[in-house]
Every structure is written in C-alpha cells, then in structure tokens.
Amino acid sequence: MNIPVERPLASQRADLRSAIHAQRRRIALLIDPPEPLIREYPRSATMRFLTAQPAIVAGIAAKYAPVLFGPRLVRSALMAIALGRVVRSLLRGR
C-alpha cells in the first residue's frame, strides 16, 4: 500500500515565501518600471554636462589651462587652432 508522503511544512513555507517575493517584484516593476538605459552619446553624466555647457567649460579651460600646461604650450595650441581654421576656410573656398 502506498501512503502519500506530504512535504514538510518548512518546505511548503519556503516555496510560498519565494512565490510571494516573486509576485512582489512583478508588482513593483508594474508600479515603478526601471528607467531605460541611456544608449546614446554621451552616456556618462560628466560628458553630458561638458557637451551641454560649452561656455562654462570653455571658461574653466581658459582659466586653468595656463596653470596646468604652462602659458607657452597654451599659446602654441591656440596658434595651431587658429592656423587650422585658416587652412580649413581656404580649403572650403576652392
């Protein structure tokens, strides 16, 4: 004769708890869905700030570049940028 073996109460309780937790997670996702991932450029908050506020970034760079790199290097970089702009404008004029 086969006597049906019931599962222990501890096992039933653990299964019920996991089912309740899974249901709570599903409800939480329905109430407050996660924000979508940012997959476009720029992803980092720092780069978003730098690209959204170019005037502030240029002011900070102009103030601290001579201190960090030395005035001669900054003057050379500015001259290279100016020369590049002249060359680009000449090439566009063709």
PDB file of N, CA and C in Angstrom:
ATOM      1  N   MET A   1       0.830  -1.161   0.000  1.00  0.00           N
ATOM      2  CA  MET A   1       0.000   0.000   0.000  1.00  0.00           C
ATOM      3  C   MET A   1       0.886   1.241   0.000  1.00  0.00           C
ATOM      4  N   ASN A   2       0.546   2.199  -0.872  1.00  0.00           N
ATOM      5  CA  ASN A   2       1.323   3.430  -0.967  1.00  0.00           C
ATOM      6  C   ASN A   2       0.664   4.520  -0.123  1.00  0.00           C
ATOM      7  N   ILE A   3       1.417   4.995   0.815  1.00  0.00           N
ATOM      8  CA  ILE A   3       0.930   6.087   1.660  1.00  0.00           C
ATOM      9  C   ILE A   3       1.473   7.398   1.061  1.00  0.00           C
ATOM     10  N   PRO A   4       0.601   8.366   0.733  1.00  0.00           N
ATOM     11  CA  PRO A   4       1.108   9.624   0.163  1.00  0.00           C
ATOM     12  C   PRO A   4       1.981  10.357   1.187  1.00  0.00           C
ATOM     13  N   VAL A   5       3.132  10.775   0.716  1.00  0.00           N
ATOM     14  CA  VAL A   5       4.071  11.494   1.581  1.00  0.00           C
ATOM     15  C   VAL A   5       3.859  12.984   1.358  1.00  0.00           C
ATOM     16  N   GLU A   6       3.506  13.669   2.407  1.00  0.00           N
ATOM     17  CA  GLU A   6       3.323  15.117   2.299  1.00  0.00           C
ATOM     18  C   GLU A   6       4.657  15.809   2.514  1.00  0.00           C
ATOM     19  N   ARG A   7       4.776  16.952   1.858  1.00  0.00           N
ATOM     20  CA  ARG A   7       6.006  17.723   2.030  1.00  0.00           C
ATOM     21  C   ARG A   7       6.018  18.344   3.419  1.00  0.00           C
ATOM     22  N   PRO A   8       7.180  18.509   3.989  1.00  0.00           N
ATOM     23  CA  PRO A   8       7.258  19.137   5.303  1.00  0.00           C
ATOM     24  C   PRO A   8       6.763  20.577   5.238  1.00  0.00           C
ATOM     25  N   LEU A   9       6.274  21.057   6.352  1.00  0.00           N
ATOM     26  CA  LEU A   9       5.750  22.426   6.409  1.00  0.00           C
ATOM     27  C   LEU A   9       6.837  23.456   6.109  1.00  0.00           C
ATOM     28  N   ALA A  10       8.048  23.197   6.510  1.00  0.00           N
ATOM     29  CA  ALA A  10       9.140  24.147   6.247  1.00  0.00           C
ATOM     30  C   ALA A  10       9.360  24.313   4.743  1.00  0.00           C
ATOM     31  N   SER A  11       9.272  23.209   4.019  1.00  0.00           N
ATOM     32  CA  SER A  11       9.445  23.277   2.573  1.00  0.00           C
ATOM     33  C   SER A  11       8.279  24.020   1.922  1.00  0.00           C
ATOM     34  N   GLN A  12       7.073  23.761   2.378  1.00  0.00           N
ATOM     35  CA  GLN A  12       5.909  24.469   1.842  1.00  0.00           C
ATOM     36  C   GLN A  12       6.009  25.967   2.138  1.00  0.00           C
ATOM     37  N   ARG A  13       6.461  26.288   3.350  1.00  0.00           N
ATOM     38  CA  ARG A  13       6.604  27.693   3.732  1.00  0.00           C
ATOM     39  C   ARG A  13       7.652  28.379   2.855  1.00  0.00           C
ATOM     40  N   ALA A  14       8.764  27.725   2.593  1.00  0.00           N
ATOM     41  CA  ALA A  14       9.815  28.313   1.750  1.00  0.00           C
ATOM     42  C   ALA A  14       9.310  28.549   0.327  1.00  0.00           C
ATOM     43  N   ASP A  15       8.563  27.584  -0.209  1.00  0.00           N
ATOM     44  CA  ASP A  15       8.000  27.744  -1.557  1.00  0.00           C
ATOM     45  C   ASP A  15       7.006  28.903  -1.605  1.00  0.00           C
ATOM     46  N   LEU A  16       6.171  29.002  -0.598  1.00  0.00           N
ATOM     47  CA  LEU A  16       5.189  30.079  -0.538  1.00  0.00           C
ATOM     48  C   LEU A  16       5.868  31.436  -0.424  1.00  0.00           C
ATOM     49  N   ARG A  17       6.920  31.490   0.401  1.00  0.00           N
ATOM     50  CA  ARG A  17       7.653  32.759   0.546  1.00  0.00           C
ATOM     51  C   ARG A  17       8.285  33.183  -0.775  1.00  0.00           C
ATOM     52  N   SER A  18       8.904  32.257  -1.489  1.00  0.00           N
ATOM     53  CA  SER A  18       9.536  32.619  -2.761  1.00  0.00           C
ATOM     54  C   SER A  18       8.492  33.051  -3.785  1.00  0.00           C
ATOM     55  N   ALA A  19       7.323  32.428  -3.772  1.00  0.00           N
ATOM     56  CA  ALA A  19       6.252  32.837  -4.689  1.00  0.00           C
ATOM     57  C   ALA A  19       5.758  34.235  -4.349  1.00  0.00           C
ATOM     58  N   ILE A  20       5.634  34.540  -3.065  1.00  0.00           N
ATOM     59  CA  ILE A  20       5.183  35.872  -2.642  1.00  0.00           C
ATOM     60  C   ILE A  20       6.218  36.921  -3.031  1.00  0.00           C
ATOM     61  N   HIS A  21       7.507  36.609  -2.816  1.00  0.00           N
ATOM     62  CA  HIS A  21       8.558  37.574  -3.189  1.00  0.00           C
ATOM     63  C   HIS A  21       8.582  37.814  -4.697  1.00  0.00           C
ATOM     64  N   ALA A  22       8.402  36.767  -5.483  1.00  0.00           N
ATOM     65  CA  ALA A  22       8.371  36.931  -6.938  1.00  0.00           C
ATOM     66  C   ALA A  22       7.183  37.794  -7.353  1.00  0.00           C
ATOM     67  N   GLN A  23       6.038  37.577  -6.710  1.00  0.00           N
ATOM     68  CA  GLN A  23       4.861  38.372  -7.024  1.00  0.00           C
ATOM     69  C   GLN A  23       5.091  39.835  -6.640  1.00  0.00           C
ATOM     70  N   ARG A  24       5.720  40.078  -5.509  1.00  0.00           N
ATOM     71  CA  ARG A  24       6.007  41.461  -5.090  1.00  0.00           C
ATOM     72  C   ARG A  24       6.958  42.147  -6.070  1.00  0.00           C
ATOM     73  N   ARG A  25       7.946  41.408  -6.568  1.00  0.00           N
ATOM     74  CA  ARG A  25       8.866  42.004  -7.552  1.00  0.00           C
ATOM     75  C   ARG A  25       8.125  42.367  -8.826  1.00  0.00           C
ATOM     76  N   ARG A  26       7.228  41.484  -9.297  1.00  0.00           N
ATOM     77  CA  ARG A  26       6.444  41.789 -10.502  1.00  0.00           C
ATOM     78  C   ARG A  26       5.566  43.016 -10.297  1.00  0.00           C
ATOM     79  N   ILE A  27       4.919  43.112  -9.140  1.00  0.00           N
ATOM     80  CA  ILE A  27       4.061  44.267  -8.847  1.00  0.00           C
ATOM     81  C   ILE A  27       4.900  45.540  -8.772  1.00  0.00           C
ATOM     82  N   ALA A  28       6.071  45.455  -8.141  1.00  0.00           N
ATOM     83  CA  ALA A  28       6.941  46.636  -8.045  1.00  0.00           C
ATOM     84  C   ALA A  28       7.372  47.113  -9.425  1.00  0.00           C
ATOM     85  N   LEU A  29       7.654  46.180 -10.339  1.00  0.00           N
ATOM     86  CA  LEU A  29       8.029  46.573 -11.699  1.00  0.00           C
ATOM     87  C   LEU A  29       6.860  47.207 -12.440  1.00  0.00           C
ATOM     88  N   LEU A  30       5.651  46.748 -12.167  1.00  0.00           N
ATOM     89  CA  LEU A  30       4.482  47.351 -12.804  1.00  0.00           C
ATOM     90  C   LEU A  30       4.221  48.749 -12.267  1.00  0.00           C
ATOM     91  N   ILE A  31       4.404  48.935 -10.970  1.00  0.00           N
ATOM     92  CA  ILE A  31       4.146  50.239 -10.361  1.00  0.00           C
ATOM     93  C   ILE A  31       5.226  51.238 -10.740  1.00  0.00           C
ATOM     94  N   ASP A  32       6.483  50.823 -10.643  1.00  0.00           N
ATOM     95  CA  ASP A  32       7.604  51.732 -10.896  1.00  0.00           C
ATOM     96  C   ASP A  32       8.597  51.046 -11.823  1.00  0.00           C
ATOM     97  N   PRO A  33       8.372  51.116 -13.133  1.00  0.00           N
ATOM     98  CA  PRO A  33       9.285  50.436 -14.058  1.00  0.00           C
ATOM     99  C   PRO A  33      10.670  51.081 -14.022  1.00  0.00           C
ATOM    100  N   PRO A  34      11.714  50.303 -14.270  1.00  0.00           N
ATOM    101  CA  PRO A  34      13.062  50.875 -14.263  1.00  0.00           C
ATOM    102  C   PRO A  34      13.233  51.846 -15.424  1.00  0.00           C
ATOM    103  N   GLU A  35      14.114  52.828 -15.215  1.00  0.00           N
ATOM    104  CA  GLU A  35      14.359  53.804 -16.273  1.00  0.00           C
ATOM    105  C   GLU A  35      15.153  53.127 -17.382  1.00  0.00           C
ATOM    106  N   PRO A  36      14.882  53.496 -18.619  1.00  0.00           N
ATOM    107  CA  PRO A  36      15.610  52.870 -19.726  1.00  0.00           C
ATOM    108  C   PRO A  36      17.087  53.246 -19.684  1.00  0.00           C
ATOM    109  N   LEU A  37      17.920  52.349 -20.153  1.00  0.00           N
ATOM    110  CA  LEU A  37      19.344  52.625 -20.211  1.00  0.00           C
ATOM    111  C   LEU A  37      19.617  53.662 -21.277  1.00  0.00           C
ATOM    112  N   ILE A  38      20.555  54.532 -20.991  1.00  0.00           N
ATOM    113  CA  ILE A  38      20.936  55.552 -21.960  1.00  0.00           C
ATOM    114  C   ILE A  38      21.942  54.912 -22.910  1.00  0.00           C
ATOM    115  N   ARG A  39      21.538  54.746 -24.155  1.00  0.00           N
ATOM    116  CA  ARG A  39      22.411  54.097 -25.118  1.00  0.00           C
ATOM    117  C   ARG A  39      22.935  55.087 -26.158  1.00  0.00           C
ATOM    118  N   GLU A  40      22.673  56.337 -25.972  1.00  0.00           N
ATOM    119  CA  GLU A  40      23.147  57.306 -26.941  1.00  0.00           C
ATOM    120  C   GLU A  40      24.326  58.073 -26.352  1.00  0.00           C
ATOM    121  N   TYR A  41      25.040  58.763 -27.214  1.00  0.00           N
ATOM    122  CA  TYR A  41      26.182  59.556 -26.776  1.00  0.00           C
ATOM    123  C   TYR A  41      25.687  60.832 -26.147  1.00  0.00           C
ATOM    124  N   PRO A  42      26.301  61.314 -25.151  1.00  0.00           N
ATOM    125  CA  PRO A  42      27.252  60.687 -24.244  1.00  0.00           C
ATOM    126  C   PRO A  42      26.532  59.955 -23.122  1.00  0.00           C
ATOM    127  N   ARG A  43      27.093  58.848 -22.698  1.00  0.00           N
ATOM    128  CA  ARG A  43      26.460  58.053 -21.654  1.00  0.00           C
ATOM    129  C   ARG A  43      26.807  58.548 -20.263  1.00  0.00           C
ATOM    130  N   SER A  44      28.001  59.065 -20.064  1.00  0.00           N
ATOM    131  CA  SER A  44      28.388  59.471 -18.712  1.00  0.00           C
ATOM    132  C   SER A  44      27.821  60.849 -18.384  1.00  0.00           C
ATOM    133  N   ALA A  45      27.543  61.051 -17.118  1.00  0.00           N
ATOM    134  CA  ALA A  45      26.990  62.331 -16.666  1.00  0.00           C
ATOM    135  C   ALA A  45      27.997  63.451 -16.888  1.00  0.00           C
ATOM    136  N   THR A  46      29.275  63.160 -16.723  1.00  0.00           N
ATOM    137  CA  THR A  46      30.307  64.178 -16.920  1.00  0.00           C
ATOM    138  C   THR A  46      30.324  64.659 -18.362  1.00  0.00           C
ATOM    139  N   MET A  47      30.301  63.735 -19.313  1.00  0.00           N
ATOM    140  CA  MET A  47      30.325  64.140 -20.715  1.00  0.00           C
ATOM    141  C   MET A  47      29.035  64.849 -21.119  1.00  0.00           C
ATOM    142  N   ARG A  48      27.907  64.438 -20.559  1.00  0.00           N
ATOM    143  CA  ARG A  48      26.656  65.154 -20.850  1.00  0.00           C
ATOM    144  C   ARG A  48      26.747  66.589 -20.365  1.00  0.00           C
ATOM    145  N   PHE A  49      27.323  66.796 -19.174  1.00  0.00           N
ATOM    146  CA  PHE A  49      27.488  68.153 -18.654  1.00  0.00           C
ATOM    147  C   PHE A  49      28.429  68.956 -19.543  1.00  0.00           C
ATOM    148  N   LEU A  50      29.558  68.350 -19.907  1.00  0.00           N
ATOM    149  CA  LEU A  50      30.544  69.072 -20.710  1.00  0.00           C
ATOM    150  C   LEU A  50      29.994  69.458 -22.077  1.00  0.00           C
ATOM    151  N   THR A  51      29.201  68.583 -22.694  1.00  0.00           N
ATOM    152  CA  THR A  51      28.667  68.904 -24.011  1.00  0.00           C
ATOM    153  C   THR A  51      27.451  69.826 -23.933  1.00  0.00           C
ATOM    154  N   ALA A  52      26.752  69.842 -22.799  1.00  0.00           N
ATOM    155  CA  ALA A  52      25.575  70.698 -22.664  1.00  0.00           C
ATOM    156  C   ALA A  52      25.936  72.122 -22.253  1.00  0.00           C
ATOM    157  N   GLN A  53      27.100  72.301 -21.642  1.00  0.00           N
ATOM    158  CA  GLN A  53      27.503  73.620 -21.144  1.00  0.00           C
ATOM    159  C   GLN A  53      28.849  74.039 -21.747  1.00  0.00           C
ATOM    160  N   PRO A  54      28.920  74.269 -23.051  1.00  0.00           N
ATOM    161  CA  PRO A  54      30.229  74.570 -23.646  1.00  0.00           C
ATOM    162  C   PRO A  54      30.813  75.900 -23.180  1.00  0.00           C
ATOM    163  N   ALA A  55      29.981  76.878 -22.875  1.00  0.00           N
ATOM    164  CA  ALA A  55      30.507  78.178 -22.439  1.00  0.00           C
ATOM    165  C   ALA A  55      31.195  78.058 -21.078  1.00  0.00           C
ATOM    166  N   ILE A  56      30.584  77.316 -20.183  1.00  0.00           N
ATOM    167  CA  ILE A  56      31.181  77.129 -18.856  1.00  0.00           C
ATOM    168  C   ILE A  56      32.482  76.360 -18.973  1.00  0.00           C
ATOM    169  N   VAL A  57      32.490  75.315 -19.789  1.00  0.00           N
ATOM    170  CA  VAL A  57      33.692  74.501 -19.963  1.00  0.00           C
ATOM    171  C   VAL A  57      34.811  75.326 -20.588  1.00  0.00           C
ATOM    172  N   ALA A  58      34.481  76.144 -21.581  1.00  0.00           N
ATOM    173  CA  ALA A  58      35.499  76.980 -22.215  1.00  0.00           C
ATOM    174  C   ALA A  58      36.070  77.992 -21.220  1.00  0.00           C
ATOM    175  N   GLY A  59      35.221  78.560 -20.382  1.00  0.00           N
ATOM    176  CA  GLY A  59      35.703  79.495 -19.372  1.00  0.00           C
ATOM    177  C   GLY A  59      36.630  78.843 -18.366  1.00  0.00           C
ATOM    178  N   ILE A  60      36.269  77.657 -17.924  1.00  0.00           N
ATOM    179  CA  ILE A  60      37.114  76.937 -16.972  1.00  0.00           C
ATOM    180  C   ILE A  60      38.432  76.551 -17.630  1.00  0.00           C
ATOM    181  N   ALA A  61      38.354  76.071 -18.877  1.00  0.00           N
ATOM    182  CA  ALA A  61      39.576  75.680 -19.583  1.00  0.00           C
ATOM    183  C   ALA A  61      40.489  76.879 -19.812  1.00  0.00           C
ATOM    184  N   ALA A  62      39.916  78.003 -20.181  1.00  0.00           N
ATOM    185  CA  ALA A  62      40.729  79.199 -20.412  1.00  0.00           C
ATOM    186  C   ALA A  62      41.390  79.671 -19.122  1.00  0.00           C
ATOM    187  N   LYS A  63      40.708  79.486 -18.007  1.00  0.00           N
ATOM    188  CA  LYS A  63      41.267  79.948 -16.734  1.00  0.00           C
ATOM    189  C   LYS A  63      42.377  79.038 -16.232  1.00  0.00           C
ATOM    190  N   TYR A  64      42.172  77.718 -16.361  1.00  0.00           N
ATOM    191  CA  TYR A  64      43.110  76.784 -15.745  1.00  0.00           C
ATOM    192  C   TYR A  64      44.122  76.166 -16.695  1.00  0.00           C
ATOM    193  N   ALA A  65      43.964  76.310 -17.993  1.00  0.00           N
ATOM    194  CA  ALA A  65      44.917  75.729 -18.933  1.00  0.00           C
ATOM    195  C   ALA A  65      46.324  76.297 -18.760  1.00  0.00           C
ATOM    196  N   PRO A  66      46.498  77.621 -18.629  1.00  0.00           N
ATOM    197  CA  PRO A  66      47.869  78.122 -18.422  1.00  0.00           C
ATOM    198  C   PRO A  66      48.500  77.608 -17.127  1.00  0.00           C
ATOM    199  N   VAL A  67      47.686  77.417 -16.115  1.00  0.00           N
ATOM    200  CA  VAL A  67      48.222  76.921 -14.847  1.00  0.00           C
ATOM    201  C   VAL A  67      48.662  75.467 -14.987  1.00  0.00           C
ATOM    202  N   LEU A  68      47.843  74.661 -15.661  1.00  0.00           N
ATOM    203  CA  LEU A  68      48.139  73.235 -15.775  1.00  0.00           C
ATOM    204  C   LEU A  68      49.211  72.928 -16.814  1.00  0.00           C
ATOM    205  N   PHE A  69      49.197  73.612 -17.935  1.00  0.00           N
ATOM    206  CA  PHE A  69      50.078  73.257 -19.042  1.00  0.00           C
ATOM    207  C   PHE A  69      51.176  74.272 -19.307  1.00  0.00           C
ATOM    208  N   GLY A  70      51.088  75.433 -18.711  1.00  0.00           N
ATOM    209  CA  GLY A  70      52.076  76.478 -18.963  1.00  0.00           C
ATOM    210  C   GLY A  70      51.611  77.392 -20.077  1.00  0.00           C
ATOM    211  N   PRO A  71      51.935  78.671 -19.952  1.00  0.00           N
ATOM    212  CA  PRO A  71      51.440  79.646 -20.941  1.00  0.00           C
ATOM    213  C   PRO A  71      51.991  79.422 -22.349  1.00  0.00           C
ATOM    214  N   ARG A  72      53.237  78.939 -22.472  1.00  0.00           N
ATOM    215  CA  ARG A  72      53.801  78.735 -23.810  1.00  0.00           C
ATOM    216  C   ARG A  72      53.054  77.640 -24.568  1.00  0.00           C
ATOM    217  N   LEU A  73      52.722  76.549 -23.892  1.00  0.00           N
ATOM    218  CA  LEU A  73      52.001  75.453 -24.541  1.00  0.00           C
ATOM    219  C   LEU A  73      50.590  75.892 -24.935  1.00  0.00           C
ATOM    220  N   VAL A  74      49.955  76.683 -24.078  1.00  0.00           N
ATOM    221  CA  VAL A  74      48.608  77.166 -24.386  1.00  0.00           C
ATOM    222  C   VAL A  74      48.646  78.090 -25.598  1.00  0.00           C
ATOM    223  N   ARG A  75      49.652  78.995 -25.650  1.00  0.00           N
ATOM    224  CA  ARG A  75      49.766  79.892 -26.813  1.00  0.00           C
ATOM    225  C   ARG A  75      50.016  79.080 -28.084  1.00  0.00           C
ATOM    226  N   SER A  76      50.846  78.065 -27.982  1.00  0.00           N
ATOM    227  CA  SER A  76      51.126  77.235 -29.162  1.00  0.00           C
ATOM    228  C   SER A  76      49.860  76.509 -29.622  1.00  0.00           C
ATOM    229  N   ALA A  77      49.089  75.993 -28.674  1.00  0.00           N
ATOM    230  CA  ALA A  77      47.846  75.296 -29.030  1.00  0.00           C
ATOM    231  C   ALA A  77      46.854  76.252 -29.669  1.00  0.00           C
ATOM    232  N   LEU A  78      46.743  77.469 -29.134  1.00  0.00           N
ATOM    233  CA  LEU A  78      45.825  78.461 -29.713  1.00  0.00           C
ATOM    234  C   LEU A  78      46.259  78.844 -31.123  1.00  0.00           C
ATOM    235  N   MET A  79      47.560  78.969 -31.333  1.00  0.00           N
ATOM    236  CA  MET A  79      48.056  79.291 -32.677  1.00  0.00           C
ATOM    237  C   MET A  79      47.770  78.133 -33.641  1.00  0.00           C
ATOM    238  N   ALA A  80      47.921  76.901 -33.187  1.00  0.00           N
ATOM    239  CA  ALA A  80      47.635  75.747 -34.044  1.00  0.00           C
ATOM    240  C   ALA A  80      46.154  75.703 -34.403  1.00  0.00           C
ATOM    241  N   ILE A  81      45.297  76.007 -33.444  1.00  0.00           N
ATOM    242  CA  ILE A  81      43.853  76.032 -33.721  1.00  0.00           C
ATOM    243  C   ILE A  81      43.522  77.118 -34.726  1.00  0.00           C
ATOM    244  N   ALA A  82      44.105  78.305 -34.543  1.00  0.00           N
ATOM    245  CA  ALA A  82      43.854  79.407 -35.477  1.00  0.00           C
ATOM    246  C   ALA A  82      44.357  79.054 -36.874  1.00  0.00           C
ATOM    247  N   LEU A  83      45.533  78.450 -36.951  1.00  0.00           N
ATOM    248  CA  LEU A  83      46.075  78.057 -38.245  1.00  0.00           C
ATOM    249  C   LEU A  83      45.190  77.003 -38.909  1.00  0.00           C
ATOM    250  N   GLY A  84      44.693  76.079 -38.134  1.00  0.00           N
ATOM    251  CA  GLY A  84      43.787  75.067 -38.667  1.00  0.00           C
ATOM    252  C   GLY A  84      42.514  75.669 -39.220  1.00  0.00           C
ATOM    253  N   ARG A  85      41.991  76.665 -38.531  1.00  0.00           N
ATOM    254  CA  ARG A  85      40.782  77.341 -39.031  1.00  0.00           C
ATOM    255  C   ARG A  85      41.043  78.059 -40.346  1.00  0.00           C
ATOM    256  N   VAL A  86      42.220  78.705 -40.445  1.00  0.00           N
ATOM    257  CA  VAL A  86      42.568  79.408 -41.689  1.00  0.00           C
ATOM    258  C   VAL A  86      42.683  78.409 -42.839  1.00  0.00           C
ATOM    259  N   VAL A  87      43.369  77.307 -42.589  1.00  0.00           N
ATOM    260  CA  VAL A  87      43.544  76.298 -43.638  1.00  0.00           C
ATOM    261  C   VAL A  87      42.193  75.722 -44.049  1.00  0.00           C
ATOM    262  N   ARG A  88      41.343  75.471 -43.069  1.00  0.00           N
ATOM    263  CA  ARG A  88      40.018  74.918 -43.383  1.00  0.00           C
ATOM    264  C   ARG A  88      39.195  75.907 -44.207  1.00  0.00           C
ATOM    265  N   SER A  89      39.252  77.182 -43.856  1.00  0.00           N
ATOM    266  CA  SER A  89      38.493  78.167 -44.624  1.00  0.00           C
ATOM    267  C   SER A  89      39.043  78.312 -46.036  1.00  0.00           C
ATOM    268  N   LEU A  90      40.377  78.196 -46.182  1.00  0.00           N
ATOM    269  CA  LEU A  90      40.953  78.251 -47.529  1.00  0.00           C
ATOM    270  C   LEU A  90      40.554  77.056 -48.376  1.00  0.00           C
ATOM    271  N   LEU A  91      40.507  75.878 -47.746  1.00  0.00           N
ATOM    272  CA  LEU A  91      40.102  74.676 -48.482  1.00  0.00           C
ATOM    273  C   LEU A  91      38.638  74.709 -48.866  1.00  0.00           C
ATOM    274  N   ARG A  92      37.820  75.318 -48.045  1.00  0.00           N
ATOM    275  CA  ARG A  92      36.395  75.440 -48.391  1.00  0.00           C
ATOM    276  C   ARG A  92      36.158  76.393 -49.539  1.00  0.00           C
ATOM    277  N   GLY A  93      37.037  77.391 -49.662  1.00  0.00           N
ATOM    278  CA  GLY A  93      36.880  78.402 -50.706  1.00  0.00           C
ATOM    279  C   GLY A  93      37.161  77.882 -52.098  1.00  0.00           C
ATOM    280  N   ARG A  94      37.769  76.724 -52.202  1.00  0.00           N
ATOM    281  CA  ARG A  94      38.100  76.186 -53.539  1.00  0.00           C
ATOM    282  C   ARG A  94      36.884  75.791 -54.302  1.00  0.00           C
TER     283      ARG A  94
END
